[in-house]
C-alpha atoms as a PDB file:
ATOM      1  CA  UNK A   1       9.476 -13.135  13.652  1.00  0.00           C
ATOM      2  CA  UNK A   2       6.121 -12.424  12.300  1.00  0.00           C
ATOM      3  CA  UNK A   3       5.238  -9.498  10.187  1.00  0.00           C
ATOM      4  CA  UNK A   4       1.481  -9.077   9.226  1.00  0.00           C
ATOM      5  CA  UNK A   5       0.536  -6.835   6.237  1.00  0.00           C
ATOM      6  CA  UNK A   6      -2.790  -5.404   5.752  1.00  0.00           C
ATOM      7  CA  UNK A   7      -4.410  -2.458   4.036  1.00  0.00           C
ATOM      8  CA  UNK A   8      -7.371  -1.818   1.624  1.00  0.00           C
ATOM      9  CA  UNK A   9      -7.842  -4.039  -1.474  1.00  0.00           C
ATOM     10  CA  UNK A  10      -5.324  -3.688  -4.391  1.00  0.00           C
ATOM     11  CA  UNK A  11      -2.910  -1.671  -2.316  1.00  0.00           C
ATOM     12  CA  UNK A  12      -0.104  -4.316  -3.077  1.00  0.00           C
ATOM     13  CA  UNK A  13      -0.150  -6.592   0.063  1.00  0.00           C
ATOM     14  CA  UNK A  14       0.724  -9.808  -1.792  1.00  0.00           C
ATOM     15  CA  UNK A  15       3.414  -8.345  -4.074  1.00  0.00           C
ATOM     16  CA  UNK A  16       5.113  -6.516  -1.316  1.00  0.00           C
ATOM     17  CA  UNK A  17       4.595  -9.348   1.093  1.00  0.00           C
ATOM     18  CA  UNK A  18       6.331 -11.990  -1.093  1.00  0.00           C
ATOM     19  CA  UNK A  19       9.332  -9.560  -1.768  1.00  0.00           C
ATOM     20  CA  UNK A  20       9.546  -8.822   1.905  1.00  0.00           C
ATOM     21  CA  UNK A  21       9.589 -12.370   2.941  1.00  0.00           C
ATOM     22  CA  UNK A  22      12.347 -13.052   0.227  1.00  0.00           C
ATOM     23  CA  UNK A  23      14.494 -10.176   1.615  1.00  0.00           C
ATOM     24  CA  UNK A  24      14.043 -11.285   5.229  1.00  0.00           C
ATOM     25  CA  UNK A  25      14.652 -15.099   4.514  1.00  0.00           C
ATOM     26  CA  UNK A  26      11.464 -16.207   5.926  1.00  0.00           C
ATOM     27  CA  UNK A  27       8.175 -17.794   4.516  1.00  0.00           C
ATOM     28  CA  UNK A  28       5.282 -15.880   2.868  1.00  0.00           C
ATOM     29  CA  UNK A  29       1.653 -16.814   3.719  1.00  0.00           C
ATOM     30  CA  UNK A  30      -1.471 -15.276   1.985  1.00  0.00           C
ATOM     31  CA  UNK A  31      -4.383 -15.608   4.263  1.00  0.00           C
ATOM     32  CA  UNK A  32      -6.963 -15.810   1.479  1.00  0.00           C
ATOM     33  CA  UNK A  33      -5.284 -18.642   0.002  1.00  0.00           C
ATOM     34  CA  UNK A  34      -4.968 -20.325   3.329  1.00  0.00           C
ATOM     35  CA  UNK A  35      -8.538 -19.859   4.071  1.00  0.00           C
ATOM     36  CA  UNK A  36      -9.552 -21.342   0.738  1.00  0.00           C
ATOM     37  CA  UNK A  37      -7.216 -24.319   1.329  1.00  0.00           C
ATOM     38  CA  UNK A  38      -8.427 -24.761   4.909  1.00  0.00           C
ATOM     39  CA  UNK A  39     -12.046 -25.012   3.999  1.00  0.00           C
ATOM     40  CA  UNK A  40     -11.764 -26.398   0.571  1.00  0.00           C
ATOM     41  CA  UNK A  41     -13.857 -23.766  -1.161  1.00  0.00           C
ATOM     42  CA  UNK A  42     -13.227 -20.307  -2.765  1.00  0.00           C
ATOM     43  CA  UNK A  43     -13.581 -17.206  -0.682  1.00  0.00           C
ATOM     44  CA  UNK A  44     -16.525 -16.095  -2.875  1.00  0.00           C
ATOM     45  CA  UNK A  45     -18.446 -19.234  -2.068  1.00  0.00           C
ATOM     46  CA  UNK A  46     -17.767 -19.028   1.675  1.00  0.00           C
ATOM     47  CA  UNK A  47     -18.891 -15.517   1.844  1.00  0.00           C
ATOM     48  CA  UNK A  48     -22.236 -16.235   0.228  1.00  0.00           C
ATOM     49  CA  UNK A  49     -22.934 -18.812   2.952  1.00  0.00           C
ATOM     50  CA  UNK A  50     -23.077 -15.954   5.645  1.00  0.00           C
ATOM     51  CA  UNK A  51     -25.583 -13.149   5.884  1.00  0.00           C
ATOM     52  CA  UNK A  52     -22.909 -10.576   7.083  1.00  0.00           C
ATOM     53  CA  UNK A  53     -19.156 -10.216   6.666  1.00  0.00           C
ATOM     54  CA  UNK A  54     -18.792 -10.256  10.387  1.00  0.00           C
ATOM     55  CA  UNK A  55     -20.134 -13.838  10.469  1.00  0.00           C
ATOM     56  CA  UNK A  56     -17.806 -14.843   7.643  1.00  0.00           C
ATOM     57  CA  UNK A  57     -14.750 -13.303   9.475  1.00  0.00           C
ATOM     58  CA  UNK A  58     -15.663 -15.298  12.594  1.00  0.00           C
ATOM     59  CA  UNK A  59     -15.664 -18.581  10.509  1.00  0.00           C
ATOM     60  CA  UNK A  60     -12.548 -17.632   8.362  1.00  0.00           C
ATOM     61  CA  UNK A  61     -10.582 -16.721  11.476  1.00  0.00           C
ATOM     62  CA  UNK A  62     -10.382 -20.363  12.236  1.00  0.00           C
ATOM     63  CA  UNK A  63      -8.103 -20.862   9.294  1.00  0.00           C
ATOM     64  CA  UNK A  64      -5.865 -17.858  10.731  1.00  0.00           C
ATOM     65  CA  UNK A  65      -5.728 -19.662  14.201  1.00  0.00           C
ATOM     66  CA  UNK A  66      -4.793 -22.892  12.565  1.00  0.00           C
ATOM     67  CA  UNK A  67      -2.176 -21.194  10.467  1.00  0.00           C
ATOM     68  CA  UNK A  68      -0.572 -19.391  13.507  1.00  0.00           C
ATOM     69  CA  UNK A  69      -0.466 -22.631  15.451  1.00  0.00           C
ATOM     70  CA  UNK A  70       1.689 -24.381  12.744  1.00  0.00           C
ATOM     71  CA  UNK A  71       5.459 -24.335  12.677  1.00  0.00           C
ATOM     72  CA  UNK A  72       5.526 -22.551   9.426  1.00  0.00           C
ATOM     73  CA  UNK A  73       4.242 -19.324  10.947  1.00  0.00           C
ATOM     74  CA  UNK A  74       6.923 -18.963  13.558  1.00  0.00           C
ATOM     75  CA  UNK A  75       9.070 -16.929  11.132  1.00  0.00           C
ATOM     76  CA  UNK A  76       6.965 -15.490   8.167  1.00  0.00           C
ATOM     77  CA  UNK A  77       5.303 -12.710   6.642  1.00  0.00           C
ATOM     78  CA  UNK A  78       1.447 -12.961   6.445  1.00  0.00           C
ATOM     79  CA  UNK A  79      -0.644 -11.033   4.155  1.00  0.00           C
ATOM     80  CA  UNK A  80      -4.044 -10.305   5.742  1.00  0.00           C
ATOM     81  CA  UNK A  81      -7.105  -9.340   3.973  1.00  0.00           C
ATOM     82  CA  UNK A  82      -8.435  -5.670   4.199  1.00  0.00           C
ATOM     83  CA  UNK A  83     -10.412  -6.793   7.431  1.00  0.00           C
ATOM     84  CA  UNK A  84      -7.359  -8.474   8.830  1.00  0.00           C
ATOM     85  CA  UNK A  85      -7.145  -6.161  11.904  1.00  0.00           C
ATOM     86  CA  UNK A  86     -10.882  -6.676  12.846  1.00  0.00           C
ATOM     87  CA  UNK A  87     -12.876  -8.835  15.164  1.00  0.00           C
ATOM     88  CA  UNK A  88     -11.654 -12.475  15.245  1.00  0.00           C
ATOM     89  CA  UNK A  89      -8.825 -11.876  12.956  1.00  0.00           C
ATOM     90  CA  UNK A  90      -7.303  -9.182  15.308  1.00  0.00           C
ATOM     91  CA  UNK A  91      -7.784 -11.485  18.336  1.00  0.00           C
ATOM     92  CA  UNK A  92      -5.831 -14.109  16.538  1.00  0.00           C
ATOM     93  CA  UNK A  93      -2.981 -11.773  15.655  1.00  0.00           C
ATOM     94  CA  UNK A  94      -2.797 -10.302  19.177  1.00  0.00           C
ATOM     95  CA  UNK A  95      -2.608 -13.766  20.705  1.00  0.00           C
ATOM     96  CA  UNK A  96       0.684 -14.567  18.788  1.00  0.00           C
ATOM     97  CA  UNK A  97       2.145 -11.109  18.563  1.00  0.00           C
ATOM     98  CA  UNK A  98       4.220  -9.617  15.727  1.00  0.00           C
ATOM     99  CA  UNK A  99       4.595  -6.480  13.838  1.00  0.00           C
ATOM    100  CA  UNK A 100       1.496  -5.251  11.983  1.00  0.00           C
ATOM    101  CA  UNK A 101       2.028  -3.100   9.022  1.00  0.00           C
ATOM    102  CA  UNK A 102      -0.518  -1.198   7.081  1.00  0.00           C
ATOM    103  CA  UNK A 103       0.156  -0.254   3.382  1.00  0.00           C
ATOM    104  CA  UNK A 104      -1.578   2.868   2.442  1.00  0.00           C
ATOM    105  CA  UNK A 105      -2.036   4.721  -0.715  1.00  0.00           C
ATOM    106  CA  UNK A 106      -4.077   7.634  -2.106  1.00  0.00           C
ATOM    107  CA  UNK A 107      -7.582   6.606  -3.335  1.00  0.00           C
ATOM    108  CA  UNK A 108      -6.900   7.771  -6.799  1.00  0.00           C
ATOM    109  CA  UNK A 109      -3.906   5.524  -7.224  1.00  0.00           C
ATOM    110  CA  UNK A 110      -5.724   2.283  -6.621  1.00  0.00           C
ATOM    111  CA  UNK A 111      -9.182   3.241  -8.032  1.00  0.00           C
ATOM    112  CA  UNK A 112      -8.327   1.473 -11.335  1.00  0.00           C
ATOM    113  CA  UNK A 113      -7.420  -1.872  -9.696  1.00  0.00           C
ATOM    114  CA  UNK A 114     -10.500  -1.484  -7.442  1.00  0.00           C
ATOM    115  CA  UNK A 115     -12.785  -1.288 -10.138  1.00  0.00           C
ATOM    116  CA  UNK A 116     -11.459  -4.557 -11.438  1.00  0.00           C
ATOM    117  CA  UNK A 117     -12.362  -6.176  -8.104  1.00  0.00           C
ATOM    118  CA  UNK A 118     -15.749  -4.649  -7.550  1.00  0.00           C
ATOM    119  CA  UNK A 119     -14.748  -2.885  -4.309  1.00  0.00           C
ATOM    120  CA  UNK A 120     -16.256   0.552  -3.802  1.00  0.00           C
ATOM    121  CA  UNK A 121     -13.714   3.222  -3.652  1.00  0.00           C
ATOM    122  CA  UNK A 122     -15.587   5.358  -1.257  1.00  0.00           C
ATOM    123  CA  UNK A 123     -14.578   2.966   1.620  1.00  0.00           C
ATOM    124  CA  UNK A 124     -10.775   3.551   0.985  1.00  0.00           C
ATOM    125  CA  UNK A 125     -10.397   6.575   3.232  1.00  0.00           C
ATOM    126  CA  UNK A 126     -12.490   5.403   6.179  1.00  0.00           C
ATOM    127  CA  UNK A 127     -10.729   1.905   6.232  1.00  0.00           C
ATOM    128  CA  UNK A 128      -7.172   3.619   5.934  1.00  0.00           C
ATOM    129  CA  UNK A 129      -7.862   5.740   9.049  1.00  0.00           C
ATOM    130  CA  UNK A 130      -9.115   2.599  10.900  1.00  0.00           C
ATOM    131  CA  UNK A 131      -6.211   0.490  10.110  1.00  0.00           C
ATOM    132  CA  UNK A 132      -3.664   3.152  10.863  1.00  0.00           C
ATOM    133  CA  UNK A 133      -4.951   3.281  14.368  1.00  0.00           C
ATOM    134  CA  UNK A 134      -4.374  -0.481  14.944  1.00  0.00           C
ATOM    135  CA  UNK A 135      -1.060  -0.981  13.286  1.00  0.00           C
ATOM    136  CA  UNK A 136       2.537  -1.032  14.771  1.00  0.00           C
ATOM    137  CA  UNK A 137       3.497   1.240  11.829  1.00  0.00           C
ATOM    138  CA  UNK A 138       2.219   2.565   8.461  1.00  0.00           C
ATOM    139  CA  UNK A 139       4.063   2.585   5.186  1.00  0.00           C
ATOM    140  CA  UNK A 140       3.178   4.893   2.415  1.00  0.00           C
ATOM    141  CA  UNK A 141       2.845   3.175  -0.914  1.00  0.00           C
ATOM    142  CA  UNK A 142       2.163   6.191  -3.064  1.00  0.00           C
ATOM    143  CA  UNK A 143       3.162   5.483  -6.710  1.00  0.00           C
ATOM    144  CA  UNK A 144       3.583   7.526  -9.815  1.00  0.00           C
ATOM    145  CA  UNK A 145       1.268   6.941 -12.682  1.00  0.00           C
ATOM    146  CA  UNK A 146       2.521   7.661 -16.217  1.00  0.00           C
ATOM    147  CA  UNK A 147      -0.269   8.471 -18.896  1.00  0.00           C
ATOM    148  CA  UNK A 148      -0.094   6.006 -21.892  1.00  0.00           C
ATOM    149  CA  UNK A 149      -2.848   7.606 -23.889  1.00  0.00           C
ATOM    150  CA  UNK A 150      -6.419   6.805 -24.276  1.00  0.00           C
ATOM    151  CA  UNK A 151      -7.092   7.127 -20.583  1.00  0.00           C
ATOM    152  CA  UNK A 152      -4.726   4.386 -19.699  1.00  0.00           C
ATOM    153  CA  UNK A 153      -1.949   4.759 -17.175  1.00  0.00           C
ATOM    154  CA  UNK A 154       1.294   2.724 -16.313  1.00  0.00           C
ATOM    155  CA  UNK A 155       1.996   2.063 -12.660  1.00  0.00           C
ATOM    156  CA  UNK A 156       5.698   2.752 -12.140  1.00  0.00           C
ATOM    157  CA  UNK A 157       5.585   0.941  -8.660  1.00  0.00           C
ATOM    158  CA  UNK A 158       5.631  -2.422 -10.702  1.00  0.00           C
ATOM    159  CA  UNK A 159       9.063  -1.595 -12.154  1.00  0.00           C
ATOM    160  CA  UNK A 160      11.513  -1.273  -9.305  1.00  0.00           C
ATOM    161  CA  UNK A 161      10.341  -2.225  -5.813  1.00  0.00           C
ATOM    162  CA  UNK A 162      13.501  -0.919  -4.402  1.00  0.00           C
ATOM    163  CA  UNK A 163      13.109   2.818  -5.190  1.00  0.00           C
ATOM    164  CA  UNK A 164      13.271   4.486  -1.867  1.00  0.00           C
ATOM    165  CA  UNK A 165      10.818   7.351  -2.957  1.00  0.00           C
ATOM    166  CA  UNK A 166       7.904   5.381  -4.622  1.00  0.00           C
ATOM    167  CA  UNK A 167       8.082   1.513  -4.042  1.00  0.00           C
ATOM    168  CA  UNK A 168       6.048  -0.206  -1.243  1.00  0.00           C
ATOM    169  CA  UNK A 169       8.805  -2.767  -0.303  1.00  0.00           C
ATOM    170  CA  UNK A 170      11.605  -0.153  -0.088  1.00  0.00           C
ATOM    171  CA  UNK A 171       9.529   1.939   2.279  1.00  0.00           C
ATOM    172  CA  UNK A 172       8.359  -1.269   4.150  1.00  0.00           C
ATOM    173  CA  UNK A 173      11.882  -2.517   4.850  1.00  0.00           C
ATOM    174  CA  UNK A 174      13.066   0.829   5.888  1.00  0.00           C
ATOM    175  CA  UNK A 175      10.115   1.425   8.083  1.00  0.00           C
ATOM    176  CA  UNK A 176      10.616  -1.945   9.680  1.00  0.00           C
ATOM    177  CA  UNK A 177      14.227  -1.024  10.474  1.00  0.00           C
ATOM    178  CA  UNK A 178      13.311   2.368  11.945  1.00  0.00           C
ATOM    179  CA  UNK A 179      10.602   0.644  14.004  1.00  0.00           C
ATOM    180  CA  UNK A 180      13.191  -1.824  15.450  1.00  0.00           C
ATOM    181  CA  UNK A 181      15.804   0.896  16.153  1.00  0.00           C
ATOM    182  CA  UNK A 182      13.183   3.089  17.964  1.00  0.00           C
ATOM    183  CA  UNK A 183      12.049   0.092  19.964  1.00  0.00           C
ATOM    184  CA  UNK A 184      15.646  -0.679  21.215  1.00  0.00           C
ATOM    185  CA  UNK A 185      16.300   2.834  21.973  1.00  0.00           C
ATOM    186  CA  UNK A 186      12.962   3.292  23.904  1.00  0.00           C
ATOM    187  CA  UNK A 187      13.232   2.964  27.752  1.00  0.00           C
ATOM    188  CA  UNK A 188      10.364   0.771  28.651  1.00  0.00           C
ATOM    189  CA  UNK A 189       8.246   1.718  31.625  1.00  0.00           C
ATOM    190  CA  UNK A 190       8.461  -0.282  34.819  1.00  0.00           C
ATOM    191  CA  UNK A 191       6.509  -3.493  34.865  1.00  0.00           C
ATOM    192  CA  UNK A 192       5.868  -3.452  31.158  1.00  0.00           C
ATOM    193  CA  UNK A 193       5.128  -7.091  30.583  1.00  0.00           C
ATOM    194  CA  UNK A 194       5.757  -6.879  26.722  1.00  0.00           C
ATOM    195  CA  UNK A 195       9.052  -4.896  26.782  1.00  0.00           C
ATOM    196  CA  UNK A 196      11.268  -8.006  26.494  1.00  0.00           C
ATOM    197  CA  UNK A 197       9.270  -9.502  23.529  1.00  0.00           C
ATOM    198  CA  UNK A 198       9.384  -6.168  21.773  1.00  0.00           C
ATOM    199  CA  UNK A 199      13.036  -5.811  21.987  1.00  0.00           C
ATOM    200  CA  UNK A 200      13.534  -9.452  20.972  1.00  0.00           C
ATOM    201  CA  UNK A 201      11.441  -8.881  17.993  1.00  0.00           C
ATOM    202  CA  UNK A 202      13.407  -5.651  17.101  1.00  0.00           C
ATOM    203  CA  UNK A 203      16.708  -7.505  17.302  1.00  0.00           C
ATOM    204  CA  UNK A 204      15.411 -10.151  14.961  1.00  0.00           C
ATOM    205  CA  UNK A 205      14.249  -7.605  12.482  1.00  0.00           C
ATOM    206  CA  UNK A 206      17.648  -5.838  12.488  1.00  0.00           C
ATOM    207  CA  UNK A 207      19.500  -9.114  12.095  1.00  0.00           C
ATOM    208  CA  UNK A 208      17.378 -10.169   9.215  1.00  0.00           C
ATOM    209  CA  UNK A 209      17.741  -6.927   7.397  1.00  0.00           C
ATOM    210  CA  UNK A 210      21.457  -6.979   7.870  1.00  0.00           C
ATOM    211  CA  UNK A 211      21.657 -10.159   6.110  1.00  0.00           C
ATOM    212  CA  UNK A 212      19.905  -8.903   2.966  1.00  0.00           C
ATOM    213  CA  UNK A 213      22.102  -8.306   0.062  1.00  0.00           C
ATOM    214  CA  UNK A 214      19.509  -6.350  -1.697  1.00  0.00           C
ATOM    215  CA  UNK A 215      19.184  -3.932   1.291  1.00  0.00           C
ATOM    216  CA  UNK A 216      22.836  -3.292   1.350  1.00  0.00           C
ATOM    217  CA  UNK A 217      23.095  -2.473  -2.398  1.00  0.00           C
ATOM    218  CA  UNK A 218      24.776   0.909  -3.092  1.00  0.00           C
ATOM    219  CA  UNK A 219      22.386   3.676  -3.824  1.00  0.00           C
ATOM    220  CA  UNK A 220      19.721   2.451  -1.405  1.00  0.00           C
ATOM    221  CA  UNK A 221      18.831   4.917   1.276  1.00  0.00           C
ATOM    222  CA  UNK A 222      19.630   4.238   4.949  1.00  0.00           C
ATOM    223  CA  UNK A 223      16.886   2.193   6.740  1.00  0.00           C
ATOM    224  CA  UNK A 224      16.378   4.985   9.227  1.00  0.00           C
ATOM    225  CA  UNK A 225      15.441   7.359   6.320  1.00  0.00           C
ATOM    226  CA  UNK A 226      12.150   5.484   5.873  1.00  0.00           C
ATOM    227  CA  UNK A 227       9.008   7.573   5.084  1.00  0.00           C
ATOM    228  CA  UNK A 228       6.911   5.991   7.822  1.00  0.00           C
ATOM    229  CA  UNK A 229       5.083   7.008  10.894  1.00  0.00           C
ATOM    230  CA  UNK A 230       4.130   5.186  14.061  1.00  0.00           C
ATOM    231  CA  UNK A 231       0.498   4.760  14.826  1.00  0.00           C
ATOM    232  CA  UNK A 232      -0.634   6.433  17.904  1.00  0.00           C
END
């Protein structure tokens, strides 16, 4: 079972990915780290060698292909970069298959974190719409911000990842379960070459979620109550 997480910068892919992998009992792989390990250089230095981001992605996708060919990627959660569903990255993801999940949030909620990385906030809405059109499902990661004074805010999403109303990991787990249940209930069209693979993947997701003690804790909402939507 492979789960690919993507979304705009600073939406919480690494944090949610690590926790999701722990709950599913599979490995976690961060593509940015794997790219640096594969080429023996930092992302910044690699990007400066190319005139365009398209050229960089074509080069960096070699690391993703290499990663997905290894046994460690058979069952894992992979955190993709914001461009993870574009160009050469997308071709590599489609080749092996899996569930693609886009984490989304309101621009206002991640602006402070974006400013720390130097990524322009004006791209958030356009990128969100683009990624939603490609993903298997989308998960709202909207968090509440509490003012601390002097213009500072405290992100409540960092406190309890399992809150069903505001936490990325809780919503992701429930969205995956709802996705699997819908897949198993769906009557495939005749001669659908991917129907069997989708149903196998759905059964793996439900089996993994049912083994998670955290997911069965009292007070957690039922998986099918996820706030999510299938991309069209």
